[in-house]
Amino acid sequence: MLQGIIGAFCIRIPVSLLMKSIQPVSLFRIGLATPCATLVQILFCIIALIVKNRKSRDPISQ
């Protein structure tokens, strides 16, 4: 859930505002905020998966 909030509020909104400030303004550029947020969310999930797998293999944590 945290990765969704970060993707929406920390990536999608700032990227939309940044793209809006670049002249000429186009809907395509503003629309790029959604794939950027999705990419960040996927990276967060991959990192979480790697960390979880490392912890499950660590004999000290068991």
PDB file of N, CA and C in Angstrom:
ATOM      1  N   MET A   1       0.824  -1.183   0.000  1.00  0.00           N
ATOM      2  CA  MET A   1       0.000   0.000   0.000  1.00  0.00           C
ATOM      3  C   MET A   1       0.878   1.260   0.000  1.00  0.00           C
ATOM      4  N   LEU A   2       1.977   1.193   0.711  1.00  0.00           N
ATOM      5  CA  LEU A   2       2.871   2.343   0.777  1.00  0.00           C
ATOM      6  C   LEU A   2       3.442   2.685  -0.594  1.00  0.00           C
ATOM      7  N   GLN A   3       3.762   1.677  -1.373  1.00  0.00           N
ATOM      8  CA  GLN A   3       4.309   1.947  -2.700  1.00  0.00           C
ATOM      9  C   GLN A   3       3.273   2.619  -3.597  1.00  0.00           C
ATOM     10  N   GLY A   4       1.999   2.330  -3.410  1.00  0.00           N
ATOM     11  CA  GLY A   4       0.951   2.988  -4.180  1.00  0.00           C
ATOM     12  C   GLY A   4       0.808   4.458  -3.823  1.00  0.00           C
ATOM     13  N   ILE A   5       0.900   4.753  -2.538  1.00  0.00           N
ATOM     14  CA  ILE A   5       0.809   6.147  -2.084  1.00  0.00           C
ATOM     15  C   ILE A   5       2.013   6.943  -2.569  1.00  0.00           C
ATOM     16  N   ILE A   6       3.200   6.345  -2.447  1.00  0.00           N
ATOM     17  CA  ILE A   6       4.417   7.022  -2.925  1.00  0.00           C
ATOM     18  C   ILE A   6       4.342   7.247  -4.427  1.00  0.00           C
ATOM     19  N   GLY A   7       3.877   6.230  -5.156  1.00  0.00           N
ATOM     20  CA  GLY A   7       3.764   6.375  -6.605  1.00  0.00           C
ATOM     21  C   GLY A   7       2.797   7.470  -7.010  1.00  0.00           C
ATOM     22  N   ALA A   8       1.682   7.568  -6.299  1.00  0.00           N
ATOM     23  CA  ALA A   8       0.669   8.552  -6.664  1.00  0.00           C
ATOM     24  C   ALA A   8       1.064   9.970  -6.264  1.00  0.00           C
ATOM     25  N   PHE A   9       1.455  10.142  -5.006  1.00  0.00           N
ATOM     26  CA  PHE A   9       1.656  11.493  -4.502  1.00  0.00           C
ATOM     27  C   PHE A   9       3.083  12.010  -4.650  1.00  0.00           C
ATOM     28  N   CYS A  10       4.058  11.119  -4.659  1.00  0.00           N
ATOM     29  CA  CYS A  10       5.457  11.576  -4.735  1.00  0.00           C
ATOM     30  C   CYS A  10       6.037  11.492  -6.136  1.00  0.00           C
ATOM     31  N   ILE A  11       5.374  10.775  -7.025  1.00  0.00           N
ATOM     32  CA  ILE A  11       5.889  10.648  -8.390  1.00  0.00           C
ATOM     33  C   ILE A  11       4.899  11.233  -9.399  1.00  0.00           C
ATOM     34  N   ARG A  12       3.680  10.734  -9.408  1.00  0.00           N
ATOM     35  CA  ARG A  12       2.723  11.106 -10.457  1.00  0.00           C
ATOM     36  C   ARG A  12       2.388  12.596 -10.450  1.00  0.00           C
ATOM     37  N   ILE A  13       2.080  13.148  -9.297  1.00  0.00           N
ATOM     38  CA  ILE A  13       1.699  14.565  -9.230  1.00  0.00           C
ATOM     39  C   ILE A  13       2.877  15.484  -9.564  1.00  0.00           C
ATOM     40  N   PRO A  14       4.072  15.278  -8.964  1.00  0.00           N
ATOM     41  CA  PRO A  14       5.191  16.157  -9.332  1.00  0.00           C
ATOM     42  C   PRO A  14       5.593  16.049 -10.808  1.00  0.00           C
ATOM     43  N   VAL A  15       5.562  14.832 -11.363  1.00  0.00           N
ATOM     44  CA  VAL A  15       5.918  14.680 -12.783  1.00  0.00           C
ATOM     45  C   VAL A  15       4.882  15.373 -13.656  1.00  0.00           C
ATOM     46  N   SER A  16       3.615  15.276 -13.297  1.00  0.00           N
ATOM     47  CA  SER A  16       2.569  15.980 -14.062  1.00  0.00           C
ATOM     48  C   SER A  16       2.790  17.484 -14.036  1.00  0.00           C
ATOM     49  N   LEU A  17       3.102  18.015 -12.862  1.00  0.00           N
ATOM     50  CA  LEU A  17       3.339  19.453 -12.751  1.00  0.00           C
ATOM     51  C   LEU A  17       4.592  19.878 -13.515  1.00  0.00           C
ATOM     52  N   LEU A  18       5.619  19.040 -13.482  1.00  0.00           N
ATOM     53  CA  LEU A  18       6.842  19.336 -14.230  1.00  0.00           C
ATOM     54  C   LEU A  18       6.576  19.344 -15.730  1.00  0.00           C
ATOM     55  N   MET A  19       5.860  18.348 -16.203  1.00  0.00           N
ATOM     56  CA  MET A  19       5.570  18.267 -17.639  1.00  0.00           C
ATOM     57  C   MET A  19       4.652  19.399 -18.087  1.00  0.00           C
ATOM     58  N   LYS A  20       3.801  19.868 -17.174  1.00  0.00           N
ATOM     59  CA  LYS A  20       2.910  20.976 -17.515  1.00  0.00           C
ATOM     60  C   LYS A  20       3.689  22.275 -17.717  1.00  0.00           C
ATOM     61  N   SER A  21       4.829  22.370 -17.045  1.00  0.00           N
ATOM     62  CA  SER A  21       5.609  23.610 -17.144  1.00  0.00           C
ATOM     63  C   SER A  21       6.514  23.671 -18.367  1.00  0.00           C
ATOM     64  N   ILE A  22       6.681  22.540 -19.065  1.00  0.00           N
ATOM     65  CA  ILE A  22       7.523  22.510 -20.269  1.00  0.00           C
ATOM     66  C   ILE A  22       6.681  22.957 -21.458  1.00  0.00           C
ATOM     67  N   GLN A  23       7.177  23.935 -22.163  1.00  0.00           N
ATOM     68  CA  GLN A  23       6.459  24.461 -23.332  1.00  0.00           C
ATOM     69  C   GLN A  23       6.910  23.753 -24.591  1.00  0.00           C
ATOM     70  N   PRO A  24       6.104  23.447 -25.544  1.00  0.00           N
ATOM     71  CA  PRO A  24       4.648  23.550 -25.561  1.00  0.00           C
ATOM     72  C   PRO A  24       4.028  22.434 -24.727  1.00  0.00           C
ATOM     73  N   VAL A  25       2.978  22.762 -24.024  1.00  0.00           N
ATOM     74  CA  VAL A  25       2.285  21.799 -23.165  1.00  0.00           C
ATOM     75  C   VAL A  25       1.547  20.806 -24.053  1.00  0.00           C
ATOM     76  N   SER A  26       1.735  19.522 -23.764  1.00  0.00           N
ATOM     77  CA  SER A  26       0.997  18.506 -24.518  1.00  0.00           C
ATOM     78  C   SER A  26       0.446  17.465 -23.548  1.00  0.00           C
ATOM     79  N   LEU A  27      -0.678  16.918 -23.906  1.00  0.00           N
ATOM     80  CA  LEU A  27      -1.314  15.904 -23.084  1.00  0.00           C
ATOM     81  C   LEU A  27      -0.460  14.645 -23.026  1.00  0.00           C
ATOM     82  N   PHE A  28       0.301  14.381 -24.082  1.00  0.00           N
ATOM     83  CA  PHE A  28       1.187  13.219 -24.091  1.00  0.00           C
ATOM     84  C   PHE A  28       2.236  13.329 -22.986  1.00  0.00           C
ATOM     85  N   ARG A  29       2.862  14.472 -22.868  1.00  0.00           N
ATOM     86  CA  ARG A  29       3.891  14.663 -21.834  1.00  0.00           C
ATOM     87  C   ARG A  29       3.299  14.555 -20.435  1.00  0.00           C
ATOM     88  N   ILE A  30       2.152  15.161 -20.235  1.00  0.00           N
ATOM     89  CA  ILE A  30       1.505  15.087 -18.922  1.00  0.00           C
ATOM     90  C   ILE A  30       1.115  13.639 -18.622  1.00  0.00           C
ATOM     91  N   GLY A  31       0.696  12.917 -19.643  1.00  0.00           N
ATOM     92  CA  GLY A  31       0.308  11.514 -19.476  1.00  0.00           C
ATOM     93  C   GLY A  31       1.472  10.590 -19.154  1.00  0.00           C
ATOM     94  N   LEU A  32       2.695  11.024 -19.375  1.00  0.00           N
ATOM     95  CA  LEU A  32       3.858  10.209 -19.043  1.00  0.00           C
ATOM     96  C   LEU A  32       4.042  10.036 -17.543  1.00  0.00           C
ATOM     97  N   ALA A  33       3.356  10.812 -16.745  1.00  0.00           N
ATOM     98  CA  ALA A  33       3.462  10.702 -15.287  1.00  0.00           C
ATOM     99  C   ALA A  33       2.966   9.345 -14.801  1.00  0.00           C
ATOM    100  N   THR A  34       1.948   8.808 -15.421  1.00  0.00           N
ATOM    101  CA  THR A  34       1.401   7.520 -14.984  1.00  0.00           C
ATOM    102  C   THR A  34       2.386   6.376 -15.195  1.00  0.00           C
ATOM    103  N   PRO A  35       2.998   6.229 -16.379  1.00  0.00           N
ATOM    104  CA  PRO A  35       4.000   5.167 -16.518  1.00  0.00           C
ATOM    105  C   PRO A  35       5.224   5.367 -15.620  1.00  0.00           C
ATOM    106  N   CYS A  36       5.597   6.611 -15.361  1.00  0.00           N
ATOM    107  CA  CYS A  36       6.717   6.869 -14.443  1.00  0.00           C
ATOM    108  C   CYS A  36       6.386   6.368 -13.044  1.00  0.00           C
ATOM    109  N   ALA A  37       5.185   6.640 -12.579  1.00  0.00           N
ATOM    110  CA  ALA A  37       4.767   6.182 -11.253  1.00  0.00           C
ATOM    111  C   ALA A  37       4.688   4.656 -11.211  1.00  0.00           C
ATOM    112  N   THR A  38       4.210   4.055 -12.280  1.00  0.00           N
ATOM    113  CA  THR A  38       4.121   2.598 -12.342  1.00  0.00           C
ATOM    114  C   THR A  38       5.507   1.970 -12.292  1.00  0.00           C
ATOM    115  N   LEU A  39       6.455   2.556 -12.990  1.00  0.00           N
ATOM    116  CA  LEU A  39       7.823   2.047 -12.980  1.00  0.00           C
ATOM    117  C   LEU A  39       8.414   2.101 -11.571  1.00  0.00           C
ATOM    118  N   VAL A  40       8.203   3.182 -10.870  1.00  0.00           N
ATOM    119  CA  VAL A  40       8.706   3.319  -9.496  1.00  0.00           C
ATOM    120  C   VAL A  40       8.030   2.287  -8.590  1.00  0.00           C
ATOM    121  N   GLN A  41       6.745   2.069  -8.753  1.00  0.00           N
ATOM    122  CA  GLN A  41       6.041   1.092  -7.932  1.00  0.00           C
ATOM    123  C   GLN A  41       6.557  -0.320  -8.193  1.00  0.00           C
ATOM    124  N   ILE A  42       6.828  -0.640  -9.440  1.00  0.00           N
ATOM    125  CA  ILE A  42       7.383  -1.955  -9.773  1.00  0.00           C
ATOM    126  C   ILE A  42       8.760  -2.125  -9.151  1.00  0.00           C
ATOM    127  N   LEU A  43       9.583  -1.085  -9.210  1.00  0.00           N
ATOM    128  CA  LEU A  43      10.909  -1.157  -8.598  1.00  0.00           C
ATOM    129  C   LEU A  43      10.810  -1.373  -7.094  1.00  0.00           C
ATOM    130  N   PHE A  44       9.877  -0.680  -6.430  1.00  0.00           N
ATOM    131  CA  PHE A  44       9.675  -0.878  -4.995  1.00  0.00           C
ATOM    132  C   PHE A  44       9.289  -2.328  -4.689  1.00  0.00           C
ATOM    133  N   CYS A  45       8.412  -2.905  -5.501  1.00  0.00           N
ATOM    134  CA  CYS A  45       7.989  -4.287  -5.279  1.00  0.00           C
ATOM    135  C   CYS A  45       9.145  -5.266  -5.490  1.00  0.00           C
ATOM    136  N   ILE A  46       9.968  -5.030  -6.500  1.00  0.00           N
ATOM    137  CA  ILE A  46      11.126  -5.901  -6.741  1.00  0.00           C
ATOM    138  C   ILE A  46      12.116  -5.804  -5.582  1.00  0.00           C
ATOM    139  N   ILE A  47      12.361  -4.601  -5.098  1.00  0.00           N
ATOM    140  CA  ILE A  47      13.269  -4.424  -3.961  1.00  0.00           C
ATOM    141  C   ILE A  47      12.714  -5.128  -2.728  1.00  0.00           C
ATOM    142  N   ALA A  48      11.420  -4.996  -2.473  1.00  0.00           N
ATOM    143  CA  ALA A  48      10.805  -5.655  -1.322  1.00  0.00           C
ATOM    144  C   ALA A  48      10.908  -7.173  -1.451  1.00  0.00           C
ATOM    145  N   LEU A  49      10.739  -7.695  -2.636  1.00  0.00           N
ATOM    146  CA  LEU A  49      10.850  -9.135  -2.863  1.00  0.00           C
ATOM    147  C   LEU A  49      12.276  -9.621  -2.603  1.00  0.00           C
ATOM    148  N   ILE A  50      13.259  -8.872  -3.084  1.00  0.00           N
ATOM    149  CA  ILE A  50      14.660  -9.245  -2.859  1.00  0.00           C
ATOM    150  C   ILE A  50      14.992  -9.226  -1.376  1.00  0.00           C
ATOM    151  N   VAL A  51      14.560  -8.184  -0.675  1.00  0.00           N
ATOM    152  CA  VAL A  51      14.826  -8.088   0.767  1.00  0.00           C
ATOM    153  C   VAL A  51      14.150  -9.235   1.513  1.00  0.00           C
ATOM    154  N   LYS A  52      12.921  -9.559   1.151  1.00  0.00           N
ATOM    155  CA  LYS A  52      12.196 -10.649   1.807  1.00  0.00           C
ATOM    156  C   LYS A  52      12.889 -11.980   1.562  1.00  0.00           C
ATOM    157  N   ASN A  53      13.353 -12.222   0.348  1.00  0.00           N
ATOM    158  CA  ASN A  53      14.036 -13.477   0.045  1.00  0.00           C
ATOM    159  C   ASN A  53      15.360 -13.587   0.787  1.00  0.00           C
ATOM    160  N   ARG A  54      16.072 -12.493   0.927  1.00  0.00           N
ATOM    161  CA  ARG A  54      17.330 -12.525   1.677  1.00  0.00           C
ATOM    162  C   ARG A  54      17.087 -12.816   3.143  1.00  0.00           C
ATOM    163  N   LYS A  55      16.041 -12.230   3.710  1.00  0.00           N
ATOM    164  CA  LYS A  55      15.731 -12.474   5.120  1.00  0.00           C
ATOM    165  C   LYS A  55      15.305 -13.912   5.352  1.00  0.00           C
ATOM    166  N   SER A  56      14.588 -14.520   4.412  1.00  0.00           N
ATOM    167  CA  SER A  56      14.133 -15.897   4.591  1.00  0.00           C
ATOM    168  C   SER A  56      15.290 -16.891   4.482  1.00  0.00           C
ATOM    169  N   ARG A  57      16.368 -16.543   3.787  1.00  0.00           N
ATOM    170  CA  ARG A  57      17.533 -17.416   3.679  1.00  0.00           C
ATOM    171  C   ARG A  57      18.527 -17.220   4.810  1.00  0.00           C
ATOM    172  N   ASP A  58      18.404 -16.149   5.549  1.00  0.00           N
ATOM    173  CA  ASP A  58      19.337 -15.829   6.636  1.00  0.00           C
ATOM    174  C   ASP A  58      19.065 -16.764   7.828  1.00  0.00           C
ATOM    175  N   PRO A  59      20.026 -17.637   8.202  1.00  0.00           N
ATOM    176  CA  PRO A  59      19.780 -18.565   9.310  1.00  0.00           C
ATOM    177  C   PRO A  59      19.687 -17.884  10.668  1.00  0.00           C
ATOM    178  N   ILE A  60      20.242 -16.697  10.802  1.00  0.00           N
ATOM    179  CA  ILE A  60      20.201 -15.975  12.074  1.00  0.00           C
ATOM    180  C   ILE A  60      18.779 -15.522  12.394  1.00  0.00           C
ATOM    181  N   SER A  61      18.024 -15.123  11.385  1.00  0.00           N
ATOM    182  CA  SER A  61      16.682 -14.597  11.616  1.00  0.00           C
ATOM    183  C   SER A  61      15.655 -15.691  11.909  1.00  0.00           C
ATOM    184  N   GLN A  62      16.025 -16.971  11.751  1.00  0.00           N
ATOM    185  CA  GLN A  62      15.068 -18.060  11.986  1.00  0.00           C
ATOM    186  C   GLN A  62      15.093 -18.562  13.375  1.00  0.00           C
TER     187      GLN A  62
END
